[in-house]
Amino acid sequence: MTIALIAAGFLIMAYSTFFGYQLKSRASGGLIGTRLTQLLAMIAAFALSYLVVGALTFGRPADSSMLILSVILLLGAVFVILVLNLVRDVLGTLE
C-alpha cells in the first residue's frame, strides 16, 4: 500500500514538473520568471524525494509510520498541483 501511494505521488510530481515547465515558458522573465524557477527547483527536489523514500521503503514491511508518511507525501503532491493551478490562473489574469 505504501509503495502504491508513493508511486502515485511520484506520478503526480512528474506531471507537476512538466506542468511547471510549461508555465515557466509563459513567464520567462522578470520577477515572476525568477520565482517560477525557484518553485520548479523545489518541485524537482520534492519529486526526487519520492524516489529516495520509495527506494528506502522497498522491501520493508509496511508499518503505520510509513503509511502516514506516504499519505503526507501524496497530499503534498496534490498541494503542488493546486499551487501550480493558482499560478496558471494568475498568469492568465496578467496576460
Protein backbone atom coordinates (compact mmCIF):
# COMPACT_ATOMS: atom_id res chain seq x y z
CA MET A 1 0.00 0.00 0.00
CA THR A 2 2.76 2.45 0.89
CA ILE A 3 4.65 1.80 -2.35
CA ALA A 4 1.46 2.38 -4.34
CA LEU A 5 0.86 5.71 -2.58
CA ILE A 6 4.46 6.77 -3.11
CA ALA A 7 4.27 5.77 -6.78
CA ALA A 8 1.04 7.75 -7.21
CA GLY A 9 2.67 10.76 -5.57
CA PHE A 10 5.70 10.46 -7.83
CA LEU A 11 3.49 10.35 -10.92
CA ILE A 12 1.68 13.47 -9.73
CA MET A 13 5.02 15.18 -9.12
CA ALA A 14 6.29 14.17 -12.58
CA TYR A 15 3.18 15.76 -14.06
CA SER A 16 3.72 18.82 -11.85
CA THR A 17 7.27 19.20 -13.11
CA PHE A 18 6.09 19.07 -16.72
CA PHE A 19 3.23 21.47 -15.97
CA GLY A 20 5.61 23.83 -14.17
CA TYR A 21 7.96 23.99 -17.14
CA GLN A 22 5.01 24.84 -19.37
CA LEU A 23 4.11 27.69 -17.03
CA LYS A 24 7.74 28.83 -16.98
CA SER A 25 7.70 29.21 -20.76
CA ARG A 26 4.71 31.56 -20.44
CA ALA A 27 6.53 33.86 -18.00
CA SER A 28 10.21 33.53 -18.75
CA GLY A 29 11.49 36.86 -17.44
CA GLY A 30 11.13 39.29 -14.60
CA LEU A 31 10.21 38.61 -11.04
CA ILE A 32 7.56 36.01 -11.89
CA GLY A 33 10.03 34.07 -14.04
CA THR A 34 12.59 34.10 -11.24
CA ARG A 35 10.07 32.88 -8.68
CA LEU A 36 8.85 30.16 -11.04
CA THR A 37 12.44 28.97 -11.45
CA GLN A 38 12.75 28.72 -7.67
CA LEU A 39 9.40 26.94 -7.47
CA LEU A 40 10.47 24.44 -10.14
CA ALA A 41 13.70 23.72 -8.26
CA MET A 42 11.68 22.94 -5.14
CA ILE A 43 9.26 20.77 -7.13
CA ALA A 44 12.17 18.82 -8.64
CA ALA A 45 13.70 18.27 -5.20
CA PHE A 46 10.31 17.14 -3.89
CA ALA A 47 9.94 14.71 -6.81
CA LEU A 48 13.40 13.28 -6.14
CA SER A 49 12.44 12.75 -2.51
CA TYR A 50 9.75 10.35 -3.71
CA LEU A 51 12.41 8.24 -5.39
CA VAL A 52 14.54 8.24 -2.25
CA VAL A 53 11.64 7.32 0.03
CA GLY A 54 10.50 4.66 -2.44
CA ALA A 55 13.97 3.13 -2.55
CA LEU A 56 14.30 3.17 1.22
CA THR A 57 10.91 1.57 1.82
CA PHE A 58 11.03 -1.01 -0.96
CA GLY A 59 11.08 -4.49 0.52
CA ARG A 60 10.39 -3.31 4.06
CA PRO A 61 7.27 -4.46 5.86
CA ALA A 62 4.54 -1.84 5.89
CA ASP A 63 4.02 -0.17 9.24
CA SER A 64 1.82 2.69 10.32
CA SER A 65 4.57 5.32 10.26
CA MET A 66 5.43 4.56 6.63
CA LEU A 67 1.75 4.65 5.70
CA ILE A 68 1.36 8.05 7.36
CA LEU A 69 4.49 9.32 5.60
CA SER A 70 3.25 8.16 2.21
CA VAL A 71 -0.15 9.80 2.75
CA ILE A 72 1.53 13.07 3.77
CA LEU A 73 3.74 12.97 0.68
CA LEU A 74 0.73 12.27 -1.54
CA LEU A 75 -1.16 15.20 -0.04
CA GLY A 76 1.93 17.35 -0.61
CA ALA A 77 1.87 16.40 -4.28
CA VAL A 78 -1.79 17.40 -4.50
CA PHE A 79 -0.91 20.72 -2.86
CA VAL A 80 1.77 21.34 -5.51
CA ILE A 81 -0.84 20.80 -8.25
CA LEU A 82 -3.14 23.30 -6.54
CA VAL A 83 -0.34 25.88 -6.31
CA LEU A 84 0.54 25.43 -9.98
CA ASN A 85 -3.12 25.85 -10.94
CA LEU A 86 -3.19 29.07 -8.94
CA VAL A 87 -0.05 30.30 -10.72
CA ARG A 88 -1.62 29.42 -14.07
CA ASP A 89 -4.73 31.40 -13.23
CA VAL A 90 -2.68 34.40 -12.06
CA LEU A 91 -0.63 34.34 -15.26
CA GLY A 92 -3.83 34.13 -17.28
CA THR A 93 -5.18 37.18 -15.48
CA LEU A 94 -1.98 39.15 -16.04
CA GLU A 95 -1.88 38.45 -19.78
